[in-house]
């Protein structure tokens, strides 16, 4: 009897813990799934009124303008979080991705504003935002001394190598390609984009001294080590996310303990599911052009980062560059997912909102670089660069045309003949289905 009592008590304790876990899950779901539009509006209004009437008026024009722009941006982000429509992503919460969409719209409007300024005025506006800006930047040339072994140097026998490794762009290559692999999710496309960007650097060396690099820096450190390791880690992360089983809906699971609840909360910041991209570039003309567009857009986004910082005099580690990088990382994930659905899914007839914003932003960034670059780059392009790209484009277009033309003329193989067998009663069977039963079904339908 005592043993039975203990068992019943233990069972009751487990049931109580499970009921607590269910209540916790339901409470969290009810709170985070409600819109809270009215309460958020009231809270935001109270904060604005309090800040506007308690903040000192003697801050000065520049400080007041900065604060006003910041407050306006926060109000728009609040509106975006509450009222913009949902996209394809809903982890950690749809409100987060609505706020990302709002940040993309703000960045788009800022680019439109900058586009209608002169390069001098744009630099002065940035200097108002941060007094450290507005000063011409010294461009570093990485190809001044390409000697790997420097025995005469007092600091190190491999000074050039260590200086390159300690540069911020090395880590940007590694982390950036880990992120790009998560976005593209294709081994071959990743390597094409990786090698192509190094070719872009060779192409625009006459415009940006920063693109001049030593051979071992470009081939070994950039392509093989940093880019290759980043692609490997990114694709390994893709495989881990694709193979792991998830159950984040809360259905059929109990969270009776604090530890279980903690890990349930952490899992909210991981994807609900992870789709594998099959670009199939050589499947048909549409897929081929779609992948070319993806490669071109990613290349232009990367090039714009270097041209914008050069033309607007923004140092690489400045927060403006970091914010731009975070914005592109945030909008790139849903943008590429929407583009993939638009290209591969015949039922998707509408170009996604985030994809539209990505195209608009990269277009405006490019227009700013073209407009502000007039008069900045006086050296003409080397003939070898021009003719190399002309020959490459001719070969690419001609080869693709011949390939898809020949592929379209290939006739499909012969169909598999229907196998006719008999069962133990001697009745005809077609591919495992008795002919008599088929005829009976047809007769019944005719009746």
Protein backbone atom coordinates (compact mmCIF):
# COMPACT_ATOMS: atom_id res chain seq x y z
CA UNK A 1 0.00 0.00 0.00
CA UNK A 2 2.81 2.37 0.82
CA UNK A 3 4.40 1.74 -2.55
CA UNK A 4 1.10 2.43 -4.23
CA UNK A 5 0.73 5.70 -2.33
CA UNK A 6 4.16 6.86 -3.38
CA UNK A 7 3.41 5.97 -6.96
CA UNK A 8 0.16 7.89 -6.87
CA UNK A 9 1.87 10.91 -5.29
CA UNK A 10 4.63 10.79 -7.88
CA UNK A 11 2.06 10.55 -10.68
CA UNK A 12 0.15 13.49 -9.25
CA UNK A 13 3.32 15.59 -9.11
CA UNK A 14 4.10 14.80 -12.74
CA UNK A 15 0.56 15.67 -13.76
CA UNK A 16 0.77 18.96 -11.88
CA UNK A 17 4.09 19.84 -13.56
CA UNK A 18 2.70 18.96 -16.98
CA UNK A 19 -0.37 21.10 -16.35
CA UNK A 20 1.90 23.99 -15.30
CA UNK A 21 3.90 23.54 -18.47
CA UNK A 22 0.74 23.60 -20.58
CA UNK A 23 -0.48 26.73 -18.83
CA UNK A 24 2.90 28.38 -19.42
CA UNK A 25 2.83 27.46 -23.11
CA UNK A 26 -0.73 28.69 -23.56
CA UNK A 27 0.01 31.93 -21.72
CA UNK A 28 3.07 32.63 -23.88
CA UNK A 29 1.19 31.77 -27.07
CA UNK A 30 -1.78 33.95 -26.15
CA UNK A 31 0.44 36.92 -25.30
CA UNK A 32 2.76 36.82 -28.31
CA UNK A 33 0.06 35.94 -30.84
CA UNK A 34 -2.15 38.91 -29.96
CA UNK A 35 -1.51 42.09 -31.98
CA UNK A 36 -1.47 44.56 -29.03
CA UNK A 37 -2.04 47.43 -31.47
CA UNK A 38 -3.95 49.69 -29.08
CA UNK A 39 -1.66 49.14 -26.09
CA UNK A 40 1.43 49.69 -28.26
CA UNK A 41 -0.06 52.89 -29.67
CA UNK A 42 -0.80 54.21 -26.17
CA UNK A 43 2.64 53.25 -24.88
CA UNK A 44 4.39 54.86 -27.88
CA UNK A 45 2.32 58.02 -27.51
CA UNK A 46 3.14 58.32 -23.82
CA UNK A 47 6.87 57.94 -24.53
CA UNK A 48 6.78 60.57 -27.29
CA UNK A 49 4.82 63.08 -25.19
CA UNK A 50 7.07 62.60 -22.18
CA UNK A 51 10.29 62.90 -24.23
CA UNK A 52 9.08 65.89 -26.25
CA UNK A 53 8.03 67.93 -23.19
CA UNK A 54 10.85 67.00 -20.82
CA UNK A 55 13.80 67.22 -23.19
CA UNK A 56 15.68 70.50 -22.96
CA UNK A 57 15.12 73.03 -25.75
CA UNK A 58 18.65 74.44 -25.61
CA UNK A 59 20.29 71.47 -27.28
CA UNK A 60 20.86 73.29 -30.55
CA UNK A 61 19.59 72.88 -34.11
CA UNK A 62 21.79 69.93 -35.09
CA UNK A 63 20.99 67.95 -31.94
CA UNK A 64 17.25 68.64 -32.29
CA UNK A 65 17.24 67.57 -35.93
CA UNK A 66 19.08 64.35 -35.06
CA UNK A 67 16.67 63.58 -32.25
CA UNK A 68 13.67 64.37 -34.43
CA UNK A 69 14.87 62.09 -37.24
CA UNK A 70 15.56 59.31 -34.76
CA UNK A 71 12.13 59.68 -33.13
CA UNK A 72 10.41 59.71 -36.53
CA UNK A 73 12.25 56.54 -37.54
CA UNK A 74 11.26 54.77 -34.32
CA UNK A 75 7.62 55.74 -34.79
CA UNK A 76 7.67 54.38 -38.33
CA UNK A 77 9.28 51.14 -37.12
CA UNK A 78 6.55 50.81 -34.49
CA UNK A 79 3.90 51.32 -37.16
CA UNK A 80 5.64 48.76 -39.39
CA UNK A 81 5.80 46.22 -36.59
CA UNK A 82 2.08 46.55 -35.91
CA UNK A 83 0.48 47.20 -39.30
CA UNK A 84 2.62 45.92 -42.19
CA UNK A 85 1.67 42.59 -43.69
CA UNK A 86 3.44 39.36 -42.85
CA UNK A 87 5.96 37.69 -45.12
CA UNK A 88 7.21 34.13 -45.50
CA UNK A 89 9.25 34.20 -42.28
CA UNK A 90 7.63 34.03 -38.85
CA UNK A 91 10.51 33.10 -36.52
CA UNK A 92 11.27 34.50 -33.98
CA UNK A 93 8.03 36.44 -34.55
CA UNK A 94 6.26 37.95 -37.58
CA UNK A 95 6.48 41.36 -35.88
CA UNK A 96 10.28 41.20 -36.11
CA UNK A 97 10.19 40.70 -39.88
CA UNK A 98 7.60 43.45 -40.25
CA UNK A 99 10.01 45.75 -38.43
CA UNK A 100 12.81 44.61 -40.77
CA UNK A 101 10.59 45.58 -43.68
CA UNK A 102 10.10 48.99 -42.08
CA UNK A 103 13.86 49.42 -41.67
CA UNK A 104 14.31 48.56 -45.36
CA UNK A 105 11.76 51.22 -46.32
CA UNK A 106 13.58 53.79 -44.16
CA UNK A 107 16.88 52.92 -45.81
CA UNK A 108 15.22 53.16 -49.22
CA UNK A 109 13.90 56.65 -48.42
CA UNK A 110 17.32 57.73 -47.15
CA UNK A 111 18.89 56.59 -50.43
CA UNK A 112 16.31 58.53 -52.43
CA UNK A 113 17.12 61.64 -50.40
CA UNK A 114 20.88 61.21 -50.91
CA UNK A 115 20.40 60.65 -54.64
CA UNK A 116 19.08 64.19 -55.03
CA UNK A 117 22.11 65.74 -53.31
CA UNK A 118 25.51 66.58 -54.68
CA UNK A 119 28.46 64.53 -53.52
CA UNK A 120 29.73 67.49 -51.49
CA UNK A 121 26.37 68.06 -49.81
CA UNK A 122 25.98 64.35 -49.09
CA UNK A 123 29.35 64.30 -47.33
CA UNK A 124 28.41 67.37 -45.29
CA UNK A 125 25.10 65.79 -44.25
CA UNK A 126 26.97 62.74 -43.00
CA UNK A 127 29.35 65.07 -41.17
CA UNK A 128 26.35 66.56 -39.34
CA UNK A 129 25.35 63.05 -38.27
CA UNK A 130 28.89 62.27 -37.11
CA UNK A 131 31.50 65.06 -36.92
CA UNK A 132 34.23 62.48 -37.55
CA UNK A 133 32.97 62.07 -41.11
CA UNK A 134 33.37 64.51 -44.00
CA UNK A 135 37.12 63.92 -44.24
CA UNK A 136 38.82 62.23 -47.21
CA UNK A 137 39.97 58.71 -46.43
CA UNK A 138 43.42 57.37 -47.18
CA UNK A 139 42.97 54.31 -49.37
CA UNK A 140 45.23 51.42 -48.48
CA UNK A 141 47.04 49.61 -51.28
CA UNK A 142 47.50 45.94 -50.34
CA UNK A 143 49.91 45.29 -53.21
CA UNK A 144 52.68 47.71 -52.26
CA UNK A 145 54.88 44.95 -50.79
CA UNK A 146 54.00 41.37 -51.71
CA UNK A 147 57.02 39.66 -50.15
CA UNK A 148 55.87 36.80 -47.93
CA UNK A 149 59.21 36.34 -46.16
CA UNK A 150 60.65 39.53 -44.64
CA UNK A 151 63.83 38.54 -42.73
CA UNK A 152 65.03 42.15 -42.48
CA UNK A 153 61.91 43.35 -40.71
CA UNK A 154 62.51 43.90 -36.96
CA UNK A 155 58.99 42.92 -35.91
CA UNK A 156 58.36 39.67 -37.80
CA UNK A 157 59.76 37.51 -40.56
CA UNK A 158 56.24 37.43 -42.08
CA UNK A 159 55.17 41.01 -41.47
CA UNK A 160 53.12 41.40 -44.66
CA UNK A 161 51.26 38.18 -44.01
CA UNK A 162 50.43 39.11 -40.42
CA UNK A 163 49.34 42.61 -41.41
CA UNK A 164 46.94 41.14 -43.95
CA UNK A 165 45.56 38.58 -41.51
CA UNK A 166 44.95 41.28 -38.90
CA UNK A 167 43.01 43.40 -41.39
CA UNK A 168 39.25 43.68 -40.79
CA UNK A 169 38.42 42.57 -44.34
CA UNK A 170 39.81 39.09 -43.67
CA UNK A 171 37.22 38.45 -40.97
CA UNK A 172 34.58 40.13 -43.11
CA UNK A 173 35.33 37.57 -45.84
CA UNK A 174 34.95 34.63 -43.46
CA UNK A 175 31.80 35.77 -41.66
CA UNK A 176 30.30 37.19 -44.82
CA UNK A 177 30.63 33.96 -46.74
CA UNK A 178 29.19 31.97 -43.89
CA UNK A 179 26.12 34.19 -44.18
CA UNK A 180 26.03 34.06 -47.99
CA UNK A 181 26.14 30.27 -47.89
CA UNK A 182 23.11 30.32 -45.58
CA UNK A 183 21.36 32.54 -48.11
CA UNK A 184 22.30 30.80 -51.37
CA UNK A 185 22.40 27.20 -50.01
CA UNK A 186 24.14 25.95 -53.16
CA UNK A 187 27.78 24.88 -53.38
CA UNK A 188 28.37 25.83 -57.01
CA UNK A 189 26.59 29.17 -56.92
CA UNK A 190 28.57 30.14 -53.80
CA UNK A 191 31.88 29.39 -55.48
CA UNK A 192 30.88 31.21 -58.67
CA UNK A 193 30.04 34.35 -56.67
CA UNK A 194 33.23 33.99 -54.63
CA UNK A 195 35.55 33.75 -57.63
CA UNK A 196 33.58 36.37 -59.54
CA UNK A 197 34.09 38.98 -56.83
CA UNK A 198 37.84 38.52 -57.01
CA UNK A 199 37.54 39.12 -60.75
CA UNK A 200 35.56 42.28 -59.99
CA UNK A 201 38.43 43.43 -57.79
CA UNK A 202 40.85 42.93 -60.67
CA UNK A 203 38.44 44.79 -62.94
CA UNK A 204 38.08 47.90 -60.77
CA UNK A 205 41.67 48.19 -59.55
CA UNK A 206 42.15 51.26 -61.71
CA UNK A 207 39.32 53.00 -59.80
CA UNK A 208 39.79 51.81 -56.21
CA UNK A 209 43.35 51.29 -54.91
CA UNK A 210 41.83 49.19 -52.13
CA UNK A 211 41.22 46.42 -54.68
CA UNK A 212 44.92 45.99 -55.44
CA UNK A 213 46.08 42.87 -53.62
CA UNK A 214 49.00 40.46 -53.69
CA UNK A 215 48.55 37.18 -55.50
CA UNK A 216 48.77 35.11 -52.31
CA UNK A 217 46.27 37.38 -50.61
CA UNK A 218 43.74 37.08 -53.41
CA UNK A 219 44.12 33.41 -54.32
CA UNK A 220 45.04 31.77 -51.01
CA UNK A 221 43.75 33.93 -48.16
CA UNK A 222 40.61 35.28 -49.83
CA UNK A 223 39.35 32.52 -52.14
CA UNK A 224 40.67 29.31 -50.63
CA UNK A 225 40.95 30.06 -46.90
CA UNK A 226 38.39 32.71 -45.92
CA UNK A 227 35.77 32.23 -48.63
CA UNK A 228 36.21 28.47 -48.75
CA UNK A 229 36.03 28.06 -44.99
CA UNK A 230 33.02 30.37 -44.80
CA UNK A 231 31.20 28.42 -47.54
CA UNK A 232 32.02 25.12 -45.83
CA UNK A 233 30.74 26.32 -42.46
CA UNK A 234 27.64 27.87 -44.02
CA UNK A 235 26.68 24.74 -45.95
CA UNK A 236 27.42 22.59 -42.87
CA UNK A 237 25.00 24.80 -40.94
CA UNK A 238 22.43 24.29 -43.71
CA UNK A 239 22.80 20.53 -43.45
CA UNK A 240 22.50 20.65 -39.66
CA UNK A 241 19.33 22.72 -39.83
CA UNK A 242 17.87 20.51 -42.56
CA UNK A 243 18.57 17.22 -40.80
CA UNK A 244 17.47 18.17 -37.31
CA UNK A 245 13.90 17.52 -36.27
CA UNK A 246 12.02 20.46 -34.81
CA UNK A 247 8.76 20.75 -32.93
CA UNK A 248 8.38 24.39 -32.03
CA UNK A 249 4.62 24.60 -32.23
CA UNK A 250 4.30 23.31 -28.66
CA UNK A 251 1.82 20.62 -29.71
CA UNK A 252 2.42 17.25 -28.16
CA UNK A 253 5.22 18.49 -25.93
CA UNK A 254 5.35 19.40 -22.26
CA UNK A 255 7.51 22.02 -20.62
CA UNK A 256 7.19 21.22 -16.93
CA UNK A 257 10.57 22.51 -15.79
CA UNK A 258 12.28 25.89 -15.95
CA UNK A 259 15.09 24.42 -18.06
CA UNK A 260 12.62 23.07 -20.61
CA UNK A 261 10.89 26.43 -20.77
CA UNK A 262 14.23 28.18 -21.27
CA UNK A 263 15.19 25.98 -24.21
CA UNK A 264 11.70 26.36 -25.62
CA UNK A 265 12.22 30.14 -25.57
CA UNK A 266 15.66 29.80 -27.19
CA UNK A 267 14.22 27.62 -29.96
CA UNK A 268 11.91 30.49 -30.89
CA UNK A 269 14.92 32.27 -32.42
CA UNK A 270 15.74 29.38 -34.77
CA UNK A 271 13.95 28.64 -38.07
CA UNK A 272 10.72 26.67 -38.02
CA UNK A 273 11.97 24.73 -41.03
CA UNK A 274 14.87 25.09 -43.46
CA UNK A 275 14.18 24.63 -47.15
CA UNK A 276 16.86 23.39 -49.51
CA UNK A 277 17.36 25.53 -52.63
CA UNK A 278 17.67 23.68 -55.92
CA UNK A 279 18.58 26.40 -58.39
CA UNK A 280 19.17 23.94 -61.29
CA UNK A 281 20.86 26.60 -63.36
CA UNK A 282 21.11 24.42 -66.49
CA UNK A 283 17.56 23.12 -66.40
CA UNK A 284 16.14 25.74 -68.77
CA UNK A 285 16.54 29.32 -69.94
CA UNK A 286 14.38 30.73 -67.14
CA UNK A 287 16.47 29.10 -64.40
CA UNK A 288 19.70 30.13 -66.10
CA UNK A 289 18.70 33.79 -66.31
CA UNK A 290 17.31 33.70 -62.75
CA UNK A 291 20.62 32.47 -61.31
CA UNK A 292 22.58 35.00 -63.39
CA UNK A 293 20.41 37.76 -61.90
CA UNK A 294 21.08 36.50 -58.35
CA UNK A 295 24.83 36.41 -58.98
CA UNK A 296 24.79 39.88 -60.55
CA UNK A 297 22.75 41.44 -57.73
CA UNK A 298 24.94 39.97 -54.99
CA UNK A 299 28.07 41.15 -56.81
CA UNK A 300 26.67 44.67 -57.19
CA UNK A 301 25.69 44.79 -53.50
CA UNK A 302 29.25 43.90 -52.52
CA UNK A 303 30.78 46.38 -54.94
CA UNK A 304 28.47 49.16 -53.74
CA UNK A 305 29.83 48.75 -50.22
CA UNK A 306 33.32 49.70 -51.41
CA UNK A 307 32.24 52.48 -53.77
CA UNK A 308 29.87 54.10 -51.26
CA UNK A 309 32.47 54.23 -48.50
CA UNK A 310 35.01 55.63 -50.97
CA UNK A 311 32.71 58.30 -52.43
CA UNK A 312 31.04 59.34 -49.16
CA UNK A 313 34.23 59.13 -47.08
CA UNK A 314 32.94 56.54 -44.60
CA UNK A 315 35.64 54.45 -42.83
CA UNK A 316 35.12 50.66 -43.00
CA UNK A 317 34.50 50.12 -39.25
CA UNK A 318 32.07 53.05 -38.98
CA UNK A 319 28.56 52.23 -37.61
CA UNK A 320 26.94 53.38 -40.87
CA UNK A 321 28.66 50.55 -42.74
CA UNK A 322 27.75 48.11 -39.98
CA UNK A 323 24.08 49.18 -40.05
CA UNK A 324 23.99 48.80 -43.83
CA UNK A 325 25.47 45.33 -43.51
CA UNK A 326 22.86 44.31 -40.92
CA UNK A 327 20.03 45.72 -43.05
CA UNK A 328 21.19 43.77 -46.10
CA UNK A 329 21.61 40.60 -44.03
CA UNK A 330 18.10 40.95 -42.59
CA UNK A 331 16.30 41.75 -45.85
CA UNK A 332 18.43 39.37 -47.91
CA UNK A 333 17.09 36.23 -46.22
CA UNK A 334 13.37 36.77 -46.91
CA UNK A 335 14.13 38.60 -50.16
CA UNK A 336 16.03 35.68 -51.66
CA UNK A 337 13.42 33.23 -50.35
CA UNK A 338 10.65 35.18 -52.08
CA UNK A 339 12.69 35.40 -55.26
CA UNK A 340 13.32 31.64 -55.20
CA UNK A 341 9.59 30.98 -54.84
CA UNK A 342 8.83 33.42 -57.67
CA UNK A 343 11.30 31.66 -59.98
CA UNK A 344 10.66 28.02 -59.11
CA UNK A 345 7.00 27.90 -58.05
CA UNK A 346 4.54 28.24 -60.92
CA UNK A 347 1.76 29.13 -58.46
CA UNK A 348 3.65 32.24 -57.28
CA UNK A 349 2.58 35.05 -59.61
CA UNK A 350 3.54 38.04 -57.47
CA UNK A 351 7.03 39.39 -56.86
CA UNK A 352 7.57 39.43 -53.09
CA UNK A 353 7.69 42.64 -51.06
CA UNK A 354 11.17 42.02 -49.67
CA UNK A 355 12.47 41.04 -53.10
CA UNK A 356 11.06 44.28 -54.47
CA UNK A 357 12.74 46.27 -51.71
CA UNK A 358 16.07 44.51 -52.35
CA UNK A 359 15.95 45.36 -56.06
CA UNK A 360 14.97 48.97 -55.36
CA UNK A 361 17.72 49.44 -52.76
CA UNK A 362 20.48 47.94 -54.89
CA UNK A 363 19.31 50.05 -57.82
CA UNK A 364 19.41 53.27 -55.79
CA UNK A 365 22.82 52.43 -54.33
CA UNK A 366 24.14 51.90 -57.85
CA UNK A 367 22.64 55.17 -59.09
CA UNK A 368 24.28 57.04 -56.20
CA UNK A 369 27.65 55.49 -57.05
CA UNK A 370 27.26 56.43 -60.73
CA UNK A 371 26.14 59.99 -60.01
CA UNK A 372 28.73 60.74 -57.31
CA UNK A 373 31.46 58.96 -59.25
CA UNK A 374 31.33 61.42 -62.14
CA UNK A 375 34.57 63.37 -62.03
CA UNK A 376 36.01 61.20 -59.24
CA UNK A 377 37.42 58.50 -61.51
CA UNK A 378 39.34 60.11 -64.34
CA UNK A 379 41.56 57.18 -65.32
CA UNK A 380 40.10 55.20 -68.25
CA UNK A 381 39.57 51.47 -68.01
CA UNK A 382 42.50 49.41 -69.32
CA UNK A 383 41.80 47.90 -72.77
CA UNK A 384 42.56 44.41 -71.49
CA UNK A 385 39.77 44.75 -68.92
CA UNK A 386 37.25 45.99 -71.45
CA UNK A 387 38.03 43.35 -74.07
CA UNK A 388 38.17 40.56 -71.51
CA UNK A 389 34.62 41.31 -70.37
CA UNK A 390 33.38 41.69 -73.94
CA UNK A 391 34.82 38.31 -74.90
CA UNK A 392 33.46 36.70 -71.73
CA UNK A 393 29.93 38.00 -72.33
CA UNK A 394 30.01 36.88 -75.97
CA UNK A 395 31.22 33.39 -75.01
CA UNK A 396 28.67 33.14 -72.18
CA UNK A 397 25.74 34.22 -74.34
CA UNK A 398 26.75 32.09 -77.32
CA UNK A 399 27.49 29.03 -75.20
CA UNK A 400 24.21 29.29 -73.32
CA UNK A 401 22.26 29.73 -76.56
CA UNK A 402 23.88 26.68 -78.17
CA UNK A 403 23.47 24.58 -75.02
CA UNK A 404 19.76 25.26 -74.51
CA UNK A 405 19.03 25.01 -78.23
CA UNK A 406 20.59 21.55 -78.41
CA UNK A 407 18.96 20.56 -75.15
CA UNK A 408 15.55 21.54 -76.49
CA UNK A 409 16.02 19.33 -79.56
CA UNK A 410 16.79 16.22 -77.54
CA UNK A 411 13.82 13.88 -77.81
CA UNK A 412 12.58 12.15 -74.66
CA UNK A 413 13.45 8.50 -74.29
CA UNK A 414 11.02 5.70 -75.15
CA UNK A 415 8.24 5.09 -72.67
CA UNK A 416 8.25 1.92 -70.61
CA UNK A 417 5.99 -0.70 -72.26
CA UNK A 418 3.04 -1.93 -70.26
CA UNK A 419 3.83 -5.34 -68.78
CA UNK A 420 1.11 -7.92 -69.21
CA UNK A 421 1.03 -10.82 -66.80
CA UNK A 422 -1.55 -13.35 -65.66
CA UNK A 423 -2.61 -14.27 -62.15
CA UNK A 424 -3.27 -17.73 -60.81
CA UNK A 425 -6.71 -17.73 -62.44
CA UNK A 426 -5.28 -16.93 -65.85
CA UNK A 427 -6.69 -13.39 -65.91
CA UNK A 428 -4.63 -10.62 -67.53
CA UNK A 429 -2.83 -8.25 -65.16
CA UNK A 430 -1.46 -4.83 -66.27
CA UNK A 431 1.35 -3.53 -64.03
CA UNK A 432 -0.03 -5.43 -61.06
CA UNK A 433 -3.71 -4.50 -61.58
CA UNK A 434 -6.09 -7.15 -62.82
CA UNK A 435 -7.66 -6.34 -66.15
CA UNK A 436 -10.93 -7.91 -65.09
CA UNK A 437 -11.25 -5.55 -62.14
CA UNK A 438 -10.51 -2.61 -64.47
CA UNK A 439 -13.17 -3.73 -66.90
CA UNK A 440 -15.65 -4.16 -64.04
CA UNK A 441 -14.93 -0.58 -62.86
CA UNK A 442 -15.39 0.75 -66.39
CA UNK A 443 -18.64 -1.15 -66.75
CA UNK A 444 -19.94 0.26 -63.49
CA UNK A 445 -19.00 3.82 -64.53
CA UNK A 446 -20.77 3.35 -67.86
CA UNK A 447 -23.87 2.11 -66.09
